[in-house]
N, C-alpha and C. Protein backbone atom coordinates (compact mmCIF):
# COMPACT_ATOMS: atom_id res chain seq x y z
N UNK A 1 24.66 -0.90 17.69
CA UNK A 1 23.83 -1.74 16.82
C UNK A 1 24.22 -1.51 15.37
N UNK A 2 24.42 -2.57 14.65
CA UNK A 2 24.82 -2.50 13.26
C UNK A 2 23.60 -2.25 12.37
N UNK A 3 23.77 -1.46 11.31
CA UNK A 3 22.68 -1.17 10.39
C UNK A 3 22.29 -2.42 9.61
N UNK A 4 21.02 -2.48 9.24
CA UNK A 4 20.52 -3.58 8.42
C UNK A 4 20.99 -3.42 6.98
N UNK A 5 21.10 -2.18 6.53
CA UNK A 5 21.54 -1.91 5.16
C UNK A 5 22.85 -1.11 5.20
N UNK A 6 23.62 -1.32 4.14
CA UNK A 6 24.89 -0.61 4.05
C UNK A 6 24.67 0.87 3.74
N UNK A 7 23.81 1.14 2.75
CA UNK A 7 23.56 2.53 2.36
C UNK A 7 22.18 2.66 1.72
N UNK A 8 21.53 3.77 1.98
CA UNK A 8 20.22 4.09 1.39
C UNK A 8 20.39 5.39 0.62
N UNK A 9 19.86 5.42 -0.62
CA UNK A 9 19.86 6.63 -1.42
C UNK A 9 18.42 7.00 -1.72
N UNK A 10 18.04 8.21 -1.34
CA UNK A 10 16.70 8.72 -1.61
C UNK A 10 16.74 9.68 -2.78
N UNK A 11 15.70 9.65 -3.62
CA UNK A 11 15.62 10.52 -4.79
C UNK A 11 14.24 11.16 -4.81
N UNK A 12 14.20 12.46 -5.02
CA UNK A 12 12.92 13.17 -5.13
C UNK A 12 13.13 14.39 -6.01
N UNK A 13 12.07 14.81 -6.67
CA UNK A 13 12.15 15.99 -7.53
C UNK A 13 12.04 17.28 -6.71
N UNK A 14 11.53 17.17 -5.47
CA UNK A 14 11.28 18.34 -4.64
C UNK A 14 12.48 18.65 -3.74
N UNK A 15 13.12 19.78 -3.99
CA UNK A 15 14.31 20.17 -3.23
C UNK A 15 14.04 20.24 -1.72
N UNK A 16 12.85 20.68 -1.33
CA UNK A 16 12.54 20.80 0.11
C UNK A 16 12.58 19.44 0.80
N UNK A 17 12.11 18.38 0.14
CA UNK A 17 12.17 17.04 0.73
C UNK A 17 13.62 16.59 0.89
N UNK A 18 14.43 16.89 -0.12
CA UNK A 18 15.84 16.51 -0.08
C UNK A 18 16.54 17.25 1.06
N UNK A 19 16.28 18.53 1.18
CA UNK A 19 16.91 19.33 2.24
C UNK A 19 16.54 18.77 3.61
N UNK A 20 15.26 18.49 3.82
CA UNK A 20 14.80 17.94 5.10
C UNK A 20 15.45 16.60 5.38
N UNK A 21 15.53 15.74 4.38
CA UNK A 21 16.17 14.43 4.55
C UNK A 21 17.63 14.55 4.92
N UNK A 22 18.35 15.42 4.23
CA UNK A 22 19.77 15.58 4.51
C UNK A 22 20.03 16.21 5.88
N UNK A 23 19.08 17.01 6.36
CA UNK A 23 19.23 17.61 7.70
C UNK A 23 19.22 16.56 8.81
N UNK A 24 18.68 15.38 8.53
CA UNK A 24 18.69 14.31 9.52
C UNK A 24 20.11 13.81 9.79
N UNK A 25 21.02 14.09 8.86
CA UNK A 25 22.44 13.78 9.05
C UNK A 25 22.71 12.31 9.39
N UNK A 26 22.10 11.41 8.65
CA UNK A 26 22.32 9.98 8.86
C UNK A 26 23.53 9.54 8.05
N UNK A 27 24.43 8.80 8.69
CA UNK A 27 25.70 8.45 8.05
C UNK A 27 25.54 7.51 6.85
N UNK A 28 24.49 6.69 6.83
CA UNK A 28 24.35 5.74 5.73
C UNK A 28 23.19 6.09 4.79
N UNK A 29 22.79 7.37 4.78
CA UNK A 29 21.68 7.80 3.93
C UNK A 29 22.09 9.05 3.15
N UNK A 30 21.79 9.04 1.85
CA UNK A 30 22.05 10.17 0.98
C UNK A 30 20.76 10.50 0.24
N UNK A 31 20.45 11.78 0.10
CA UNK A 31 19.28 12.21 -0.65
C UNK A 31 19.72 13.06 -1.83
N UNK A 32 19.13 12.79 -3.00
CA UNK A 32 19.46 13.50 -4.23
C UNK A 32 18.20 14.06 -4.87
N UNK A 33 18.35 15.18 -5.54
CA UNK A 33 17.25 15.74 -6.33
C UNK A 33 17.36 15.18 -7.74
N UNK A 34 16.25 14.70 -8.26
CA UNK A 34 16.26 14.16 -9.61
C UNK A 34 14.86 13.97 -10.14
N UNK A 35 14.75 13.77 -11.44
CA UNK A 35 13.47 13.61 -12.11
C UNK A 35 13.44 12.23 -12.75
N UNK A 36 12.49 11.40 -12.36
CA UNK A 36 12.41 10.03 -12.88
C UNK A 36 11.93 9.98 -14.33
N UNK A 37 11.48 11.09 -14.87
CA UNK A 37 11.06 11.10 -16.28
C UNK A 37 12.25 11.03 -17.22
N UNK A 38 13.42 11.31 -16.66
CA UNK A 38 14.67 11.18 -17.40
C UNK A 38 15.38 9.94 -16.86
N UNK A 39 16.42 9.56 -17.46
CA UNK A 39 17.20 8.42 -16.97
C UNK A 39 17.57 8.65 -15.50
N UNK A 40 17.44 7.59 -14.69
CA UNK A 40 17.79 7.72 -13.28
C UNK A 40 19.29 8.02 -13.14
N UNK A 41 19.66 8.89 -12.20
CA UNK A 41 21.05 9.34 -12.08
C UNK A 41 21.96 8.34 -11.35
N UNK A 42 21.88 7.07 -11.73
CA UNK A 42 22.64 6.03 -11.06
C UNK A 42 23.28 5.12 -12.10
N UNK A 43 24.32 4.41 -11.67
CA UNK A 43 25.01 3.46 -12.53
C UNK A 43 24.18 2.17 -12.66
N UNK A 44 24.44 1.41 -13.70
CA UNK A 44 23.79 0.11 -13.87
C UNK A 44 24.19 -0.81 -12.71
N UNK A 45 23.23 -1.59 -12.24
CA UNK A 45 23.46 -2.57 -11.17
C UNK A 45 23.99 -1.94 -9.88
N UNK A 46 23.64 -0.71 -9.61
CA UNK A 46 24.15 0.00 -8.42
C UNK A 46 23.45 -0.45 -7.12
N UNK A 47 22.22 -0.93 -7.23
CA UNK A 47 21.43 -1.22 -6.03
C UNK A 47 20.99 -2.68 -5.96
N UNK A 48 20.84 -3.15 -4.74
CA UNK A 48 20.31 -4.50 -4.50
C UNK A 48 18.78 -4.50 -4.53
N UNK A 49 18.18 -3.36 -4.20
CA UNK A 49 16.73 -3.24 -4.12
C UNK A 49 16.33 -1.78 -4.34
N UNK A 50 15.06 -1.57 -4.64
CA UNK A 50 14.53 -0.21 -4.80
C UNK A 50 13.13 -0.15 -4.20
N UNK A 51 12.80 1.01 -3.67
CA UNK A 51 11.48 1.25 -3.09
C UNK A 51 10.94 2.55 -3.67
N UNK A 52 9.73 2.51 -4.18
CA UNK A 52 9.09 3.66 -4.78
C UNK A 52 7.83 3.97 -3.97
N UNK A 53 7.89 5.01 -3.16
CA UNK A 53 6.76 5.38 -2.31
C UNK A 53 6.09 6.62 -2.86
N UNK A 54 4.86 6.46 -3.27
CA UNK A 54 4.06 7.55 -3.83
C UNK A 54 4.73 8.18 -5.03
N UNK A 55 5.77 7.54 -5.48
CA UNK A 55 6.56 8.12 -6.56
C UNK A 55 5.92 7.95 -7.91
N UNK A 56 6.48 8.63 -8.87
CA UNK A 56 5.93 8.54 -10.22
C UNK A 56 6.22 7.17 -10.84
N UNK A 57 5.29 6.73 -11.63
CA UNK A 57 5.45 5.43 -12.29
C UNK A 57 6.54 5.48 -13.35
N UNK A 58 6.97 6.66 -13.75
CA UNK A 58 8.05 6.77 -14.74
C UNK A 58 9.35 6.15 -14.23
N UNK A 59 9.50 6.02 -12.93
CA UNK A 59 10.72 5.41 -12.39
C UNK A 59 10.85 3.95 -12.83
N UNK A 60 9.72 3.28 -13.10
CA UNK A 60 9.77 1.87 -13.50
C UNK A 60 10.38 1.67 -14.89
N UNK A 61 10.47 2.74 -15.67
CA UNK A 61 11.05 2.63 -17.00
C UNK A 61 12.56 2.36 -16.94
N UNK A 62 13.23 2.81 -15.86
CA UNK A 62 14.68 2.70 -15.78
C UNK A 62 15.17 1.96 -14.54
N UNK A 63 14.30 1.67 -13.60
CA UNK A 63 14.75 1.07 -12.35
C UNK A 63 15.35 -0.31 -12.56
N UNK A 64 14.90 -1.03 -13.55
CA UNK A 64 15.47 -2.36 -13.83
C UNK A 64 16.93 -2.29 -14.22
N UNK A 65 17.37 -1.17 -14.73
CA UNK A 65 18.78 -0.98 -15.09
C UNK A 65 19.64 -0.77 -13.85
N UNK A 66 19.12 -0.06 -12.84
CA UNK A 66 19.95 0.31 -11.69
C UNK A 66 19.89 -0.71 -10.56
N UNK A 67 18.92 -1.63 -10.61
CA UNK A 67 18.83 -2.70 -9.60
C UNK A 67 19.45 -3.96 -10.19
N UNK A 68 20.28 -4.62 -9.40
CA UNK A 68 20.98 -5.84 -9.85
C UNK A 68 19.99 -6.93 -10.22
N UNK A 69 20.38 -7.79 -11.15
CA UNK A 69 19.54 -8.91 -11.57
C UNK A 69 19.19 -9.76 -10.34
N UNK A 70 17.91 -10.09 -10.22
CA UNK A 70 17.42 -10.83 -9.06
C UNK A 70 17.01 -9.92 -7.91
N UNK A 71 17.31 -8.61 -8.04
CA UNK A 71 16.96 -7.64 -7.00
C UNK A 71 15.47 -7.39 -6.95
N UNK A 72 15.03 -6.92 -5.83
CA UNK A 72 13.60 -6.69 -5.60
C UNK A 72 13.25 -5.21 -5.72
N UNK A 73 12.05 -4.97 -6.21
CA UNK A 73 11.50 -3.62 -6.29
C UNK A 73 10.16 -3.65 -5.59
N UNK A 74 9.97 -2.69 -4.70
CA UNK A 74 8.73 -2.56 -3.96
C UNK A 74 8.19 -1.16 -4.21
N UNK A 75 6.92 -1.05 -4.51
CA UNK A 75 6.31 0.25 -4.76
C UNK A 75 4.99 0.38 -4.02
N UNK A 76 4.70 1.56 -3.57
CA UNK A 76 3.42 1.85 -2.91
C UNK A 76 2.87 3.12 -3.54
N UNK A 77 1.74 2.97 -4.23
CA UNK A 77 1.17 4.08 -4.99
C UNK A 77 -0.27 4.34 -4.58
N UNK A 78 -0.69 5.61 -4.62
CA UNK A 78 -2.10 5.90 -4.37
C UNK A 78 -2.96 5.15 -5.38
N UNK A 79 -4.05 4.56 -4.91
CA UNK A 79 -4.94 3.81 -5.78
C UNK A 79 -5.95 4.70 -6.48
N UNK A 80 -6.68 4.13 -7.41
CA UNK A 80 -7.69 4.90 -8.15
C UNK A 80 -8.82 5.39 -7.25
N UNK A 81 -9.10 4.66 -6.18
CA UNK A 81 -10.20 5.04 -5.30
C UNK A 81 -9.76 5.74 -4.02
N UNK A 82 -8.56 6.32 -4.03
CA UNK A 82 -8.04 6.92 -2.80
C UNK A 82 -8.86 8.14 -2.39
N UNK A 83 -9.34 8.09 -1.17
CA UNK A 83 -10.01 9.23 -0.54
C UNK A 83 -11.12 9.84 -1.39
N UNK A 84 -11.96 8.99 -1.96
CA UNK A 84 -13.06 9.47 -2.81
C UNK A 84 -13.96 10.44 -2.06
N UNK A 85 -14.06 10.28 -0.76
CA UNK A 85 -14.91 11.16 0.05
C UNK A 85 -14.47 12.62 -0.04
N UNK A 86 -13.18 12.85 -0.20
CA UNK A 86 -12.68 14.22 -0.20
C UNK A 86 -13.21 15.03 -1.37
N UNK A 87 -13.38 14.41 -2.53
CA UNK A 87 -13.92 15.15 -3.67
C UNK A 87 -15.40 15.48 -3.47
N UNK A 88 -16.09 14.67 -2.68
CA UNK A 88 -17.49 14.96 -2.37
C UNK A 88 -17.59 16.08 -1.34
N UNK A 89 -16.77 16.02 -0.30
CA UNK A 89 -16.82 17.01 0.78
C UNK A 89 -16.14 18.33 0.41
N UNK A 90 -15.07 18.25 -0.38
CA UNK A 90 -14.28 19.43 -0.72
C UNK A 90 -14.13 19.54 -2.24
N UNK A 91 -15.25 19.78 -2.96
CA UNK A 91 -15.19 19.77 -4.43
C UNK A 91 -14.31 20.87 -5.01
N UNK A 92 -14.03 21.93 -4.26
CA UNK A 92 -13.17 23.00 -4.78
C UNK A 92 -11.68 22.67 -4.62
N UNK A 93 -11.37 21.63 -3.85
CA UNK A 93 -9.98 21.25 -3.62
C UNK A 93 -9.58 19.95 -4.32
N UNK A 94 -10.52 19.01 -4.43
CA UNK A 94 -10.21 17.69 -4.96
C UNK A 94 -11.08 17.38 -6.17
N UNK A 95 -10.43 16.83 -7.20
CA UNK A 95 -11.15 16.40 -8.40
C UNK A 95 -11.97 15.16 -8.08
N UNK A 96 -13.11 14.98 -8.74
CA UNK A 96 -13.87 13.74 -8.55
C UNK A 96 -13.03 12.54 -9.00
N UNK A 97 -13.26 11.42 -8.38
CA UNK A 97 -12.57 10.20 -8.76
C UNK A 97 -13.01 9.83 -10.17
N UNK A 98 -12.04 9.55 -11.04
CA UNK A 98 -12.38 9.24 -12.43
C UNK A 98 -12.93 7.83 -12.55
N UNK A 99 -13.70 7.63 -13.59
CA UNK A 99 -14.27 6.30 -13.85
C UNK A 99 -13.14 5.37 -14.29
N UNK A 100 -13.31 4.12 -14.01
CA UNK A 100 -12.32 3.14 -14.44
C UNK A 100 -11.14 3.07 -13.48
N UNK A 101 -10.03 2.58 -14.01
CA UNK A 101 -8.83 2.39 -13.19
C UNK A 101 -7.60 2.95 -13.92
N UNK A 102 -7.58 4.24 -14.23
CA UNK A 102 -6.46 4.79 -15.01
C UNK A 102 -5.11 4.70 -14.29
N UNK A 103 -5.09 4.83 -12.98
CA UNK A 103 -3.82 4.75 -12.25
C UNK A 103 -3.25 3.33 -12.36
N UNK A 104 -4.09 2.34 -12.14
CA UNK A 104 -3.65 0.94 -12.23
C UNK A 104 -3.22 0.60 -13.66
N UNK A 105 -3.96 1.08 -14.64
CA UNK A 105 -3.59 0.82 -16.04
C UNK A 105 -2.24 1.44 -16.37
N UNK A 106 -2.01 2.68 -15.92
CA UNK A 106 -0.73 3.35 -16.14
C UNK A 106 0.40 2.60 -15.44
N UNK A 107 0.15 2.17 -14.23
CA UNK A 107 1.14 1.42 -13.45
C UNK A 107 1.53 0.13 -14.19
N UNK A 108 0.54 -0.62 -14.64
CA UNK A 108 0.80 -1.85 -15.40
C UNK A 108 1.59 -1.57 -16.68
N UNK A 109 1.23 -0.51 -17.37
CA UNK A 109 1.91 -0.15 -18.61
C UNK A 109 3.37 0.19 -18.35
N UNK A 110 3.64 0.98 -17.32
CA UNK A 110 5.03 1.37 -17.01
C UNK A 110 5.86 0.17 -16.58
N UNK A 111 5.28 -0.72 -15.80
CA UNK A 111 6.01 -1.91 -15.37
C UNK A 111 6.38 -2.77 -16.58
N UNK A 112 5.43 -2.90 -17.51
CA UNK A 112 5.69 -3.68 -18.72
C UNK A 112 6.76 -3.01 -19.58
N UNK A 113 6.65 -1.69 -19.75
CA UNK A 113 7.62 -0.95 -20.56
C UNK A 113 9.02 -1.03 -19.95
N UNK A 114 9.09 -1.13 -18.63
CA UNK A 114 10.38 -1.22 -17.94
C UNK A 114 11.01 -2.59 -18.02
N UNK A 115 10.28 -3.56 -18.59
CA UNK A 115 10.82 -4.89 -18.79
C UNK A 115 11.14 -5.64 -17.50
N UNK A 116 10.38 -5.34 -16.45
CA UNK A 116 10.64 -6.00 -15.17
C UNK A 116 10.16 -7.44 -15.21
N UNK A 117 10.81 -8.28 -14.40
CA UNK A 117 10.46 -9.70 -14.35
C UNK A 117 9.12 -9.93 -13.68
N UNK A 118 9.09 -10.85 -12.79
CA UNK A 118 7.86 -11.22 -12.10
C UNK A 118 7.29 -10.01 -11.36
N UNK A 119 6.03 -9.66 -11.65
CA UNK A 119 5.40 -8.49 -11.03
C UNK A 119 4.06 -8.89 -10.44
N UNK A 120 3.81 -8.44 -9.22
CA UNK A 120 2.51 -8.61 -8.56
C UNK A 120 2.05 -7.23 -8.10
N UNK A 121 0.75 -6.97 -8.27
CA UNK A 121 0.17 -5.73 -7.76
C UNK A 121 -1.00 -6.12 -6.87
N UNK A 122 -0.96 -5.66 -5.65
CA UNK A 122 -2.02 -5.94 -4.68
C UNK A 122 -2.73 -4.63 -4.34
N UNK A 123 -4.05 -4.67 -4.31
CA UNK A 123 -4.83 -3.50 -3.91
C UNK A 123 -5.10 -3.60 -2.41
N UNK A 124 -4.76 -2.53 -1.70
CA UNK A 124 -4.95 -2.49 -0.25
C UNK A 124 -5.89 -1.34 0.07
N UNK A 125 -6.94 -1.64 0.81
CA UNK A 125 -7.91 -0.60 1.23
C UNK A 125 -7.94 -0.56 2.75
N UNK A 126 -8.03 0.65 3.28
CA UNK A 126 -8.12 0.83 4.73
C UNK A 126 -8.88 2.11 5.04
N UNK A 127 -9.46 2.15 6.23
CA UNK A 127 -10.10 3.37 6.71
C UNK A 127 -9.06 4.09 7.55
N UNK A 128 -8.80 5.33 7.22
CA UNK A 128 -7.85 6.14 7.97
C UNK A 128 -8.54 7.44 8.34
N UNK A 129 -7.94 8.15 9.28
CA UNK A 129 -8.56 9.37 9.78
C UNK A 129 -7.62 10.55 9.64
N UNK A 130 -8.15 11.64 9.10
CA UNK A 130 -7.43 12.90 9.10
C UNK A 130 -7.80 13.58 10.41
N UNK A 131 -6.81 13.92 11.22
CA UNK A 131 -7.06 14.34 12.59
C UNK A 131 -7.43 15.80 12.77
N UNK A 132 -7.07 16.63 11.81
CA UNK A 132 -7.41 18.05 11.92
C UNK A 132 -7.59 18.63 10.52
N UNK A 133 -8.31 19.75 10.41
CA UNK A 133 -8.58 20.32 9.09
C UNK A 133 -7.33 20.56 8.24
N UNK A 134 -6.26 20.96 8.86
CA UNK A 134 -5.05 21.24 8.08
C UNK A 134 -4.52 19.97 7.40
N UNK A 135 -4.88 18.79 7.91
CA UNK A 135 -4.48 17.53 7.26
C UNK A 135 -5.11 17.41 5.87
N UNK A 136 -6.30 17.94 5.69
CA UNK A 136 -6.96 17.94 4.38
C UNK A 136 -6.11 18.76 3.40
N UNK A 137 -5.67 19.91 3.86
CA UNK A 137 -4.86 20.79 3.00
C UNK A 137 -3.48 20.18 2.75
N UNK A 138 -2.90 19.56 3.77
CA UNK A 138 -1.60 18.90 3.58
C UNK A 138 -1.71 17.80 2.52
N UNK A 139 -2.81 17.06 2.57
CA UNK A 139 -2.99 15.99 1.60
C UNK A 139 -3.12 16.56 0.19
N UNK A 140 -3.87 17.64 0.07
CA UNK A 140 -4.08 18.27 -1.23
C UNK A 140 -2.79 18.87 -1.77
N UNK A 141 -1.95 19.39 -0.90
CA UNK A 141 -0.75 20.11 -1.33
C UNK A 141 0.52 19.28 -1.25
N UNK A 142 0.39 17.98 -1.03
CA UNK A 142 1.57 17.13 -0.92
C UNK A 142 2.46 17.29 -2.14
N UNK A 143 3.74 17.54 -1.89
CA UNK A 143 4.70 17.67 -2.98
C UNK A 143 4.74 19.05 -3.63
N UNK A 144 3.89 19.95 -3.18
CA UNK A 144 3.86 21.30 -3.76
C UNK A 144 4.83 22.21 -3.01
N UNK A 145 5.16 23.31 -3.62
CA UNK A 145 6.03 24.31 -3.00
C UNK A 145 5.34 24.89 -1.77
N UNK A 146 6.10 25.30 -0.77
CA UNK A 146 5.51 25.91 0.43
C UNK A 146 4.60 27.09 0.12
N UNK A 147 4.91 27.85 -0.92
CA UNK A 147 4.07 29.01 -1.27
C UNK A 147 2.67 28.56 -1.69
N UNK A 148 2.56 27.42 -2.37
CA UNK A 148 1.25 26.88 -2.76
C UNK A 148 0.48 26.47 -1.51
N UNK A 149 1.16 25.78 -0.62
CA UNK A 149 0.53 25.35 0.63
C UNK A 149 0.01 26.56 1.41
N UNK A 150 0.82 27.59 1.51
CA UNK A 150 0.41 28.82 2.23
C UNK A 150 -0.79 29.47 1.56
N UNK A 151 -0.79 29.52 0.24
CA UNK A 151 -1.89 30.14 -0.49
C UNK A 151 -3.19 29.36 -0.25
N UNK A 152 -3.13 28.04 -0.34
CA UNK A 152 -4.32 27.21 -0.12
C UNK A 152 -4.81 27.37 1.33
N UNK A 153 -3.88 27.42 2.27
CA UNK A 153 -4.27 27.64 3.68
C UNK A 153 -5.04 28.96 3.82
N UNK A 154 -4.50 29.99 3.23
CA UNK A 154 -5.11 31.31 3.34
C UNK A 154 -6.50 31.36 2.70
N UNK A 155 -6.62 30.75 1.52
CA UNK A 155 -7.87 30.82 0.76
C UNK A 155 -8.94 29.83 1.22
N UNK A 156 -8.53 28.68 1.77
CA UNK A 156 -9.47 27.58 1.97
C UNK A 156 -9.67 27.10 3.40
N UNK A 157 -8.81 27.48 4.33
CA UNK A 157 -8.86 26.88 5.66
C UNK A 157 -10.20 27.06 6.36
N UNK A 158 -10.80 28.22 6.27
CA UNK A 158 -12.07 28.45 6.95
C UNK A 158 -13.15 27.49 6.46
N UNK A 159 -13.26 27.33 5.15
CA UNK A 159 -14.26 26.42 4.59
C UNK A 159 -13.92 24.96 4.90
N UNK A 160 -12.64 24.62 4.85
CA UNK A 160 -12.21 23.25 5.18
C UNK A 160 -12.57 22.95 6.63
N UNK A 161 -12.35 23.89 7.53
CA UNK A 161 -12.69 23.69 8.95
C UNK A 161 -14.19 23.44 9.11
N UNK A 162 -15.00 24.21 8.40
CA UNK A 162 -16.46 24.07 8.51
C UNK A 162 -16.90 22.68 8.05
N UNK A 163 -16.42 22.27 6.90
CA UNK A 163 -16.81 20.96 6.34
C UNK A 163 -16.25 19.82 7.19
N UNK A 164 -15.03 19.99 7.68
CA UNK A 164 -14.40 18.98 8.54
C UNK A 164 -15.27 18.73 9.77
N UNK A 165 -15.69 19.78 10.43
CA UNK A 165 -16.50 19.65 11.65
C UNK A 165 -17.83 18.95 11.39
N UNK A 166 -18.42 19.17 10.24
CA UNK A 166 -19.69 18.53 9.89
C UNK A 166 -19.52 17.03 9.71
N UNK A 167 -18.41 16.60 9.11
CA UNK A 167 -18.23 15.20 8.72
C UNK A 167 -17.33 14.37 9.63
N UNK A 168 -16.63 15.01 10.55
CA UNK A 168 -15.70 14.28 11.41
C UNK A 168 -16.44 13.47 12.47
N UNK A 169 -15.79 12.39 12.89
CA UNK A 169 -16.24 11.58 14.02
C UNK A 169 -15.18 11.75 15.11
N UNK A 170 -15.35 11.03 16.18
CA UNK A 170 -14.45 11.16 17.32
C UNK A 170 -12.97 11.02 16.93
N UNK A 171 -12.64 10.06 16.06
CA UNK A 171 -11.25 9.79 15.66
C UNK A 171 -10.71 10.79 14.64
N UNK A 172 -11.60 11.55 14.00
CA UNK A 172 -11.20 12.49 12.95
C UNK A 172 -12.10 12.34 11.75
N UNK A 173 -11.63 12.79 10.61
CA UNK A 173 -12.39 12.70 9.36
C UNK A 173 -12.10 11.35 8.71
N UNK A 174 -13.13 10.46 8.61
CA UNK A 174 -12.88 9.12 8.06
C UNK A 174 -12.72 9.15 6.54
N UNK A 175 -11.62 8.59 6.08
CA UNK A 175 -11.33 8.59 4.65
C UNK A 175 -10.89 7.18 4.25
N UNK A 176 -11.47 6.69 3.17
CA UNK A 176 -11.10 5.39 2.64
C UNK A 176 -9.83 5.54 1.81
N UNK A 177 -8.78 4.87 2.22
CA UNK A 177 -7.53 4.92 1.46
C UNK A 177 -7.40 3.66 0.62
N UNK A 178 -6.98 3.85 -0.60
CA UNK A 178 -6.70 2.73 -1.49
C UNK A 178 -5.29 2.92 -2.02
N UNK A 179 -4.52 1.85 -1.96
CA UNK A 179 -3.14 1.90 -2.44
C UNK A 179 -2.86 0.65 -3.28
N UNK A 180 -1.93 0.81 -4.21
CA UNK A 180 -1.44 -0.32 -4.98
C UNK A 180 -0.05 -0.67 -4.49
N UNK A 181 0.12 -1.90 -4.04
CA UNK A 181 1.41 -2.40 -3.58
C UNK A 181 2.03 -3.21 -4.71
N UNK A 182 3.17 -2.76 -5.19
CA UNK A 182 3.87 -3.41 -6.31
C UNK A 182 5.04 -4.20 -5.75
N UNK A 183 5.13 -5.45 -6.19
CA UNK A 183 6.30 -6.30 -5.89
C UNK A 183 6.81 -6.80 -7.22
N UNK A 184 8.09 -6.51 -7.49
CA UNK A 184 8.68 -6.92 -8.77
C UNK A 184 10.09 -7.45 -8.54
N UNK A 185 10.52 -8.28 -9.45
CA UNK A 185 11.89 -8.81 -9.44
C UNK A 185 12.55 -8.45 -10.77
N UNK A 186 13.79 -7.99 -10.69
CA UNK A 186 14.53 -7.63 -11.91
C UNK A 186 15.04 -8.91 -12.55
């Protein structure tokens, strides 16, 4: 079976993600470590499309340079109201949801600063379930070094288990997820 794409390049600031990706040993996929707060480590017009998943909005400042004119950019970002229940149930692990829409405002600002063409942002809400207490900690520690994850597990797992059992239903711990789906054209 022929691939749909010629080549995929993944970029992340976290070396552990890059190592895991490269261990998959896919012939048409390359993973690089990089920081989107600086110029993206790619040539102008190098890509036909770009996808930003949970990534920093700073990538929008330079992505228009590396995606060919007419190319598409798709982004999926945590929304302002993501998992508001977690800050209520686990106040020592999660900050309360801030008033207003600072994530959406920042996203709009970065897209504008990046000079991208036609841009649409759609808010998507869904009910999802965390299936076990360690999922709460994984969510809190996403993108952190393994040592941070281990420390949080050691310090918080017992309390997380207790609260999880109180609030879980048959499917798991119900959490309202909110995401911003970005569609842009260079």
